[in-house]
């Protein structure tokens, strides 16, 4: 990032911290530069997905699916509290001892994130959509998925718009400058998490197609790339009822700190999970499946939250579409962050797979 861009980034970060939750005006910088900048900037306001969450929103804006401002004033309570960060710290103390902070690297903070409303009936919401959502009505609504419990045909499609998103390989309170945030290695990226979800569904007798095509090279246009592949697979397998786009988050409260959203489930660390429902439905960006996707999302979150306490972050309602206009059962799911380990994210994939299988069986 050059000096001018760094200055712009610092300006917006400072403004966001001062105001708590501020809108970023996307106007003066060319589209391509915004995408690159959006992938590198630090956390704009507590509870927002950064930096790659911003890149997702920006990408849709560039592609004609306007996401609006990157953040909106959040009417719900923001309960995340980040620990004070000393940027000059040279070591961190963990349960296994003191670990030096690598040159060019930084600290990893383990946090159980809960920004958004309180959990009511197993559902909490972080509403960034600018729209009012009737969650009680969504919980009463039975998702119109036409799921066939007796079918052996594929009924779930797992895909990854940002296929190369990956995780840390060590859990020692620090990250190194050379720790990858993207990789083709499917044992370390979100494909491994998709495999964990798929394994549980298949074990429950539910047919699954797992799309492992790389859609994020180049990053700009990834949603168009994944959309074309999902449309092809829906045509090839007309029995598909559910489409899960599995990602991982990235949360940076400072230039030298990454947050790993974590819960302990049955004595094991699990990467926290956030379900995202795209609420955008306009003449220019139609999405007739918004209410069905919302009903499906709250039902899945309710089951996962009440079964695995602490696993779920509040469900994010976004002013975007995320290709969720393609089916009644489309959800985007963030499995932890780039500071979680692959093992933690895969464990969460196992839990989500078990929960999803039960939710579908209960329809």
Protein backbone atom coordinates (compact mmCIF):
# COMPACT_ATOMS: atom_id res chain seq x y z
CA UNK A 1 0.00 0.00 0.00
CA UNK A 2 1.54 3.35 -1.01
CA UNK A 3 1.71 6.41 1.23
CA UNK A 4 -1.44 8.03 -0.17
CA UNK A 5 -3.51 4.86 0.24
CA UNK A 6 -2.10 4.34 3.74
CA UNK A 7 -3.20 7.83 4.66
CA UNK A 8 -6.70 7.21 3.35
CA UNK A 9 -6.91 3.92 5.24
CA UNK A 10 -5.81 5.55 8.50
CA UNK A 11 -8.35 8.33 8.01
CA UNK A 12 -11.25 5.90 7.66
CA UNK A 13 -10.10 3.67 10.50
CA UNK A 14 -9.79 6.67 12.82
CA UNK A 15 -13.21 7.95 11.82
CA UNK A 16 -14.80 4.55 12.34
CA UNK A 17 -13.31 4.13 15.80
CA UNK A 18 -14.40 7.63 16.81
CA UNK A 19 -17.99 7.18 15.65
CA UNK A 20 -18.37 3.52 16.60
CA UNK A 21 -19.91 2.56 13.28
CA UNK A 22 -19.43 4.79 10.23
CA UNK A 23 -20.36 4.65 6.57
CA UNK A 24 -17.58 4.59 4.00
CA UNK A 25 -18.35 6.66 0.92
CA UNK A 26 -17.30 4.86 -2.23
CA UNK A 27 -16.79 7.51 -4.88
CA UNK A 28 -13.39 8.97 -5.55
CA UNK A 29 -11.20 5.88 -5.96
CA UNK A 30 -11.38 3.75 -9.13
CA UNK A 31 -13.12 0.38 -8.79
CA UNK A 32 -10.02 -1.79 -9.05
CA UNK A 33 -8.17 0.24 -6.43
CA UNK A 34 -11.13 0.01 -4.05
CA UNK A 35 -11.08 -3.78 -4.33
CA UNK A 36 -7.38 -3.97 -3.53
CA UNK A 37 -7.70 -1.46 -0.72
CA UNK A 38 -10.75 -3.23 0.69
CA UNK A 39 -8.79 -6.46 1.03
CA UNK A 40 -6.03 -4.82 3.08
CA UNK A 41 -7.67 -2.28 5.39
CA UNK A 42 -8.04 -2.92 9.10
CA UNK A 43 -11.28 -3.20 11.08
CA UNK A 44 -13.50 -0.19 10.44
CA UNK A 45 -15.87 -0.78 13.32
CA UNK A 46 -16.28 -3.52 15.88
CA UNK A 47 -18.50 -6.32 14.60
CA UNK A 48 -17.91 -5.73 10.89
CA UNK A 49 -16.31 -8.40 8.70
CA UNK A 50 -12.91 -7.09 7.63
CA UNK A 51 -11.01 -6.88 5.47
CA UNK A 52 -12.32 -9.53 3.12
CA UNK A 53 -15.93 -8.94 4.10
CA UNK A 54 -15.51 -5.45 2.66
CA UNK A 55 -14.00 -6.87 -0.49
CA UNK A 56 -17.05 -9.07 -0.94
CA UNK A 57 -19.36 -6.08 -0.64
CA UNK A 58 -17.18 -3.98 -2.91
CA UNK A 59 -17.00 -6.72 -5.50
CA UNK A 60 -20.78 -6.92 -5.73
CA UNK A 61 -20.95 -3.14 -6.03
CA UNK A 62 -18.51 -3.22 -8.95
CA UNK A 63 -20.45 -6.05 -10.60
CA UNK A 64 -23.79 -4.26 -10.51
CA UNK A 65 -25.03 -5.67 -7.24
CA UNK A 66 -24.71 -2.49 -5.16
CA UNK A 67 -23.97 -3.17 -1.53
CA UNK A 68 -24.42 0.38 -0.34
CA UNK A 69 -22.04 1.75 2.27
CA UNK A 70 -19.65 -0.69 3.90
CA UNK A 71 -21.28 -0.15 7.26
CA UNK A 72 -24.51 1.32 8.52
CA UNK A 73 -25.49 2.58 11.93
CA UNK A 74 -26.28 -0.54 13.88
CA UNK A 75 -29.36 -0.22 16.04
CA UNK A 76 -28.52 -3.40 17.94
CA UNK A 77 -26.20 -3.51 20.91
CA UNK A 78 -22.54 -4.14 20.14
CA UNK A 79 -21.24 -6.48 22.83
CA UNK A 80 -17.81 -7.38 21.49
CA UNK A 81 -15.00 -6.12 23.69
CA UNK A 82 -11.50 -6.42 22.27
CA UNK A 83 -8.63 -6.74 24.71
CA UNK A 84 -6.25 -3.75 24.82
CA UNK A 85 -3.52 -4.22 22.24
CA UNK A 86 0.07 -3.12 22.76
CA UNK A 87 1.43 -2.80 19.24
CA UNK A 88 5.05 -2.92 20.46
CA UNK A 89 4.64 -6.18 22.37
CA UNK A 90 7.46 -8.60 21.64
CA UNK A 91 5.96 -11.69 23.26
CA UNK A 92 2.63 -13.18 24.26
CA UNK A 93 1.91 -15.52 27.14
CA UNK A 94 -0.24 -18.56 26.45
CA UNK A 95 -1.23 -21.64 28.43
CA UNK A 96 1.82 -23.36 26.99
CA UNK A 97 4.29 -20.61 27.84
CA UNK A 98 5.68 -17.38 26.41
CA UNK A 99 5.97 -17.05 22.64
CA UNK A 100 7.94 -14.33 20.88
CA UNK A 101 6.01 -12.21 18.39
CA UNK A 102 7.71 -12.86 15.03
CA UNK A 103 9.24 -9.94 13.15
CA UNK A 104 6.67 -8.75 10.64
CA UNK A 105 3.97 -10.83 12.33
CA UNK A 106 1.74 -10.11 15.28
CA UNK A 107 -0.59 -11.32 18.00
CA UNK A 108 -3.62 -13.58 17.72
CA UNK A 109 -6.43 -12.76 20.13
CA UNK A 110 -8.86 -15.54 20.93
CA UNK A 111 -12.33 -14.05 21.34
CA UNK A 112 -15.87 -15.39 21.58
CA UNK A 113 -17.65 -12.82 19.45
CA UNK A 114 -21.26 -11.85 20.03
CA UNK A 115 -21.81 -8.43 18.45
CA UNK A 116 -25.46 -7.90 17.56
CA UNK A 117 -28.72 -8.45 19.38
CA UNK A 118 -29.08 -10.84 22.28
CA UNK A 119 -30.01 -14.43 21.46
CA UNK A 120 -33.80 -14.82 21.62
CA UNK A 121 -35.25 -18.26 20.89
CA UNK A 122 -31.75 -19.23 19.82
CA UNK A 123 -31.46 -16.44 17.24
CA UNK A 124 -29.37 -13.25 17.35
CA UNK A 125 -29.16 -10.74 14.52
CA UNK A 126 -26.57 -8.22 13.36
CA UNK A 127 -28.61 -6.18 10.91
CA UNK A 128 -26.46 -4.30 8.37
CA UNK A 129 -29.05 -4.46 5.60
CA UNK A 130 -30.85 -1.17 6.20
CA UNK A 131 -34.11 -3.15 6.18
CA UNK A 132 -36.45 -4.28 8.94
CA UNK A 133 -36.62 -8.04 9.37
CA UNK A 134 -39.42 -9.85 11.20
CA UNK A 135 -37.42 -12.58 12.88
CA UNK A 136 -40.39 -13.99 14.80
CA UNK A 137 -42.24 -14.46 11.50
CA UNK A 138 -39.14 -15.98 9.92
CA UNK A 139 -38.92 -18.52 12.75
CA UNK A 140 -42.58 -19.49 12.24
CA UNK A 141 -42.10 -19.91 8.51
CA UNK A 142 -41.21 -23.38 7.24
CA UNK A 143 -38.59 -22.97 4.49
CA UNK A 144 -40.02 -24.08 1.14
CA UNK A 145 -37.10 -26.34 0.27
CA UNK A 146 -39.07 -29.39 -0.92
CA UNK A 147 -36.44 -31.55 0.78
CA UNK A 148 -37.00 -35.25 0.10
CA UNK A 149 -35.96 -37.31 3.12
CA UNK A 150 -36.10 -40.55 1.14
CA UNK A 151 -34.04 -39.37 -1.83
CA UNK A 152 -30.48 -40.50 -2.49
CA UNK A 153 -30.03 -37.81 -5.16
CA UNK A 154 -27.88 -34.71 -4.48
CA UNK A 155 -29.88 -32.18 -2.48
CA UNK A 156 -27.09 -30.00 -1.04
CA UNK A 157 -24.46 -28.07 -3.01
CA UNK A 158 -21.40 -26.76 -1.16
CA UNK A 159 -19.38 -24.12 -2.98
CA UNK A 160 -16.68 -21.56 -2.17
CA UNK A 161 -16.74 -18.21 -3.98
CA UNK A 162 -13.38 -17.40 -2.34
CA UNK A 163 -11.96 -20.88 -2.71
CA UNK A 164 -8.38 -20.11 -1.68
CA UNK A 165 -9.20 -18.52 1.71
CA UNK A 166 -7.15 -20.41 4.31
CA UNK A 167 -6.24 -20.60 7.98
CA UNK A 168 -3.28 -20.64 10.34
CA UNK A 169 -1.56 -23.95 10.95
CA UNK A 170 -0.36 -23.16 14.50
CA UNK A 171 -2.23 -22.23 17.67
CA UNK A 172 0.34 -20.40 19.79
CA UNK A 173 -1.00 -16.85 20.10
CA UNK A 174 0.98 -15.35 17.21
CA UNK A 175 1.06 -15.26 13.43
CA UNK A 176 4.12 -14.95 11.18
CA UNK A 177 4.64 -12.59 8.28
CA UNK A 178 4.81 -15.56 5.91
CA UNK A 179 1.61 -17.22 7.14
CA UNK A 180 -0.56 -17.52 4.05
CA UNK A 181 -4.09 -16.14 3.96
CA UNK A 182 -4.69 -17.77 0.53
CA UNK A 183 -3.59 -21.15 -0.75
CA UNK A 184 -4.46 -23.80 -3.33
CA UNK A 185 -3.77 -26.48 -0.70
CA UNK A 186 -7.21 -27.97 -0.07
CA UNK A 187 -6.05 -29.43 3.25
CA UNK A 188 -5.54 -25.88 4.56
CA UNK A 189 -8.21 -23.73 2.91
CA UNK A 190 -12.02 -23.54 3.07
CA UNK A 191 -12.34 -26.60 0.83
CA UNK A 192 -11.23 -28.70 3.83
CA UNK A 193 -14.08 -27.20 5.83
CA UNK A 194 -16.53 -27.94 3.02
CA UNK A 195 -15.30 -31.54 3.06
CA UNK A 196 -16.06 -31.75 6.78
CA UNK A 197 -19.61 -30.48 6.24
CA UNK A 198 -20.16 -32.82 3.29
CA UNK A 199 -18.93 -35.85 5.25
CA UNK A 200 -21.55 -35.35 7.96
CA UNK A 201 -24.34 -34.86 5.43
CA UNK A 202 -23.37 -38.01 3.54
CA UNK A 203 -23.18 -39.93 6.82
CA UNK A 204 -26.77 -38.83 7.42
CA UNK A 205 -27.77 -40.15 4.00
CA UNK A 206 -28.06 -36.74 2.32
CA UNK A 207 -26.66 -36.43 -1.20
CA UNK A 208 -24.02 -33.71 -1.61
CA UNK A 209 -22.15 -32.06 -4.48
CA UNK A 210 -18.98 -30.23 -3.38
CA UNK A 211 -17.76 -27.64 -5.88
CA UNK A 212 -14.01 -27.15 -5.42
CA UNK A 213 -13.38 -25.06 -8.55
CA UNK A 214 -11.22 -22.01 -7.79
CA UNK A 215 -13.40 -18.94 -8.30
CA UNK A 216 -11.26 -16.18 -6.74
CA UNK A 217 -8.43 -15.95 -9.26
CA UNK A 218 -8.73 -13.20 -10.20
CA UNK A 219 -10.45 -12.01 -7.02
CA UNK A 220 -12.44 -9.37 -8.91
CA UNK A 221 -15.37 -11.19 -10.45
CA UNK A 222 -15.36 -14.16 -8.06
CA UNK A 223 -19.11 -13.97 -7.48
CA UNK A 224 -19.75 -14.00 -11.22
CA UNK A 225 -17.47 -17.01 -11.57
CA UNK A 226 -19.16 -18.96 -8.77
CA UNK A 227 -22.62 -17.95 -10.01
CA UNK A 228 -21.95 -19.50 -13.40
CA UNK A 229 -20.73 -22.74 -11.80
CA UNK A 230 -23.69 -22.92 -9.39
CA UNK A 231 -26.12 -22.37 -12.27
CA UNK A 232 -24.41 -25.16 -14.23
CA UNK A 233 -24.62 -27.55 -11.29
CA UNK A 234 -28.26 -26.68 -10.58
CA UNK A 235 -29.05 -27.53 -14.17
CA UNK A 236 -27.04 -30.75 -14.02
CA UNK A 237 -28.52 -31.76 -10.65
CA UNK A 238 -32.09 -30.39 -10.50
CA UNK A 239 -32.65 -32.16 -7.16
CA UNK A 240 -30.38 -29.64 -5.34
CA UNK A 241 -32.36 -27.74 -2.72
CA UNK A 242 -29.67 -26.08 -0.57
CA UNK A 243 -26.61 -24.07 -1.63
CA UNK A 244 -23.98 -23.24 1.01
CA UNK A 245 -21.23 -20.77 0.07
CA UNK A 246 -18.55 -21.43 2.70
CA UNK A 247 -15.97 -18.72 3.46
CA UNK A 248 -13.80 -17.64 6.36
CA UNK A 249 -13.68 -14.19 7.94
CA UNK A 250 -10.76 -11.82 8.68
CA UNK A 251 -10.85 -9.50 11.71
CA UNK A 252 -7.99 -7.07 12.35
CA UNK A 253 -8.41 -4.63 15.27
CA UNK A 254 -4.89 -3.32 14.55
CA UNK A 255 -2.11 -3.71 11.99
CA UNK A 256 -0.38 -6.26 14.21
CA UNK A 257 -3.35 -8.13 15.66
CA UNK A 258 -5.74 -10.72 14.29
CA UNK A 259 -8.81 -12.04 16.07
CA UNK A 260 -9.76 -15.71 16.06
CA UNK A 261 -13.45 -16.09 16.94
CA UNK A 262 -13.48 -19.26 19.03
CA UNK A 263 -15.80 -21.36 21.18
CA UNK A 264 -15.03 -24.50 23.15
CA UNK A 265 -17.46 -27.30 22.29
CA UNK A 266 -17.15 -30.59 24.16
CA UNK A 267 -13.65 -29.66 25.26
CA UNK A 268 -12.37 -28.80 21.76
CA UNK A 269 -11.72 -25.42 20.18
CA UNK A 270 -14.14 -24.61 17.37
CA UNK A 271 -14.02 -21.64 15.02
CA UNK A 272 -17.13 -19.56 15.56
CA UNK A 273 -19.64 -19.59 12.72
CA UNK A 274 -21.57 -16.70 11.18
CA UNK A 275 -24.48 -17.22 8.79
CA UNK A 276 -25.09 -14.39 6.30
CA UNK A 277 -28.36 -13.71 4.51
CA UNK A 278 -28.30 -11.24 1.63
CA UNK A 279 -31.35 -9.00 1.97
CA UNK A 280 -30.95 -6.99 -1.22
CA UNK A 281 -33.98 -7.31 -3.50
CA UNK A 282 -34.44 -4.46 -5.95
CA UNK A 283 -35.52 -4.02 -9.55
CA UNK A 284 -31.86 -3.85 -10.56
CA UNK A 285 -30.78 -6.68 -8.24
CA UNK A 286 -33.78 -9.00 -7.86
CA UNK A 287 -33.86 -11.75 -5.26
CA UNK A 288 -37.26 -13.36 -4.84
CA UNK A 289 -35.83 -15.88 -2.36
CA UNK A 290 -34.97 -13.41 0.44
CA UNK A 291 -37.68 -14.48 2.87
CA UNK A 292 -37.17 -18.20 2.25
CA UNK A 293 -33.41 -17.86 2.74
CA UNK A 294 -33.99 -15.87 5.92
CA UNK A 295 -36.38 -18.52 7.27
CA UNK A 296 -33.81 -21.20 6.50
CA UNK A 297 -30.97 -19.18 8.02
CA UNK A 298 -32.70 -18.46 11.33
CA UNK A 299 -33.81 -22.08 11.65
CA UNK A 300 -30.28 -23.35 11.12
CA UNK A 301 -28.82 -20.78 13.51
CA UNK A 302 -31.42 -21.61 16.15
CA UNK A 303 -30.57 -25.31 16.03
CA UNK A 304 -26.79 -24.77 16.05
CA UNK A 305 -26.89 -22.19 18.86
CA UNK A 306 -29.10 -24.27 21.14
CA UNK A 307 -27.17 -27.48 20.43
CA UNK A 308 -23.61 -26.10 20.53
CA UNK A 309 -23.55 -23.19 22.97
CA UNK A 310 -21.17 -20.43 21.89
CA UNK A 311 -20.58 -21.74 18.37
CA UNK A 312 -22.69 -19.14 16.59
CA UNK A 313 -22.06 -15.47 16.03
CA UNK A 314 -25.22 -13.42 15.36
CA UNK A 315 -26.71 -13.96 11.92
CA UNK A 316 -25.65 -11.10 9.64
CA UNK A 317 -28.28 -9.47 7.44
CA UNK A 318 -26.38 -7.80 4.59
CA UNK A 319 -27.31 -5.23 1.95
CA UNK A 320 -26.08 -7.53 -0.80
CA UNK A 321 -27.24 -10.62 -2.70
CA UNK A 322 -24.29 -13.05 -2.71
CA UNK A 323 -25.86 -15.21 -5.46
CA UNK A 324 -28.63 -16.14 -3.02
CA UNK A 325 -31.22 -15.43 -5.71
CA UNK A 326 -30.52 -18.82 -7.29
CA UNK A 327 -32.40 -21.08 -4.83
CA UNK A 328 -34.74 -21.01 -1.83
CA UNK A 329 -32.04 -22.50 0.39
CA UNK A 330 -28.98 -20.31 -0.23
CA UNK A 331 -26.76 -19.18 2.64
CA UNK A 332 -23.26 -17.74 2.97
CA UNK A 333 -21.42 -19.12 6.00
CA UNK A 334 -18.24 -17.68 7.52
CA UNK A 335 -16.30 -20.44 9.31
CA UNK A 336 -13.96 -18.68 11.72
CA UNK A 337 -11.28 -16.26 10.54
CA UNK A 338 -7.82 -16.41 9.04
CA UNK A 339 -6.48 -16.54 12.62
CA UNK A 340 -8.25 -19.80 13.43
CA UNK A 341 -6.52 -23.05 12.61
CA UNK A 342 -7.72 -25.34 9.85
CA UNK A 343 -8.44 -27.99 12.48
CA UNK A 344 -10.69 -25.60 14.43
CA UNK A 345 -12.59 -24.65 11.27
CA UNK A 346 -12.96 -28.28 10.20
CA UNK A 347 -14.38 -29.14 13.62
CA UNK A 348 -16.94 -26.37 13.13
CA UNK A 349 -17.68 -27.80 9.68
CA UNK A 350 -18.39 -31.14 11.34
CA UNK A 351 -20.81 -29.49 13.80
CA UNK A 352 -22.53 -27.47 11.09
CA UNK A 353 -22.88 -30.58 8.93
CA UNK A 354 -24.50 -32.50 11.78
CA UNK A 355 -26.80 -29.59 12.56
CA UNK A 356 -27.79 -29.02 8.94
CA UNK A 357 -28.61 -32.70 8.50
CA UNK A 358 -30.91 -32.56 11.52
CA UNK A 359 -32.59 -29.33 10.39
CA UNK A 360 -33.30 -30.80 6.97
CA UNK A 361 -34.61 -34.02 8.50
CA UNK A 362 -36.94 -31.98 10.72
CA UNK A 363 -38.55 -30.02 7.89
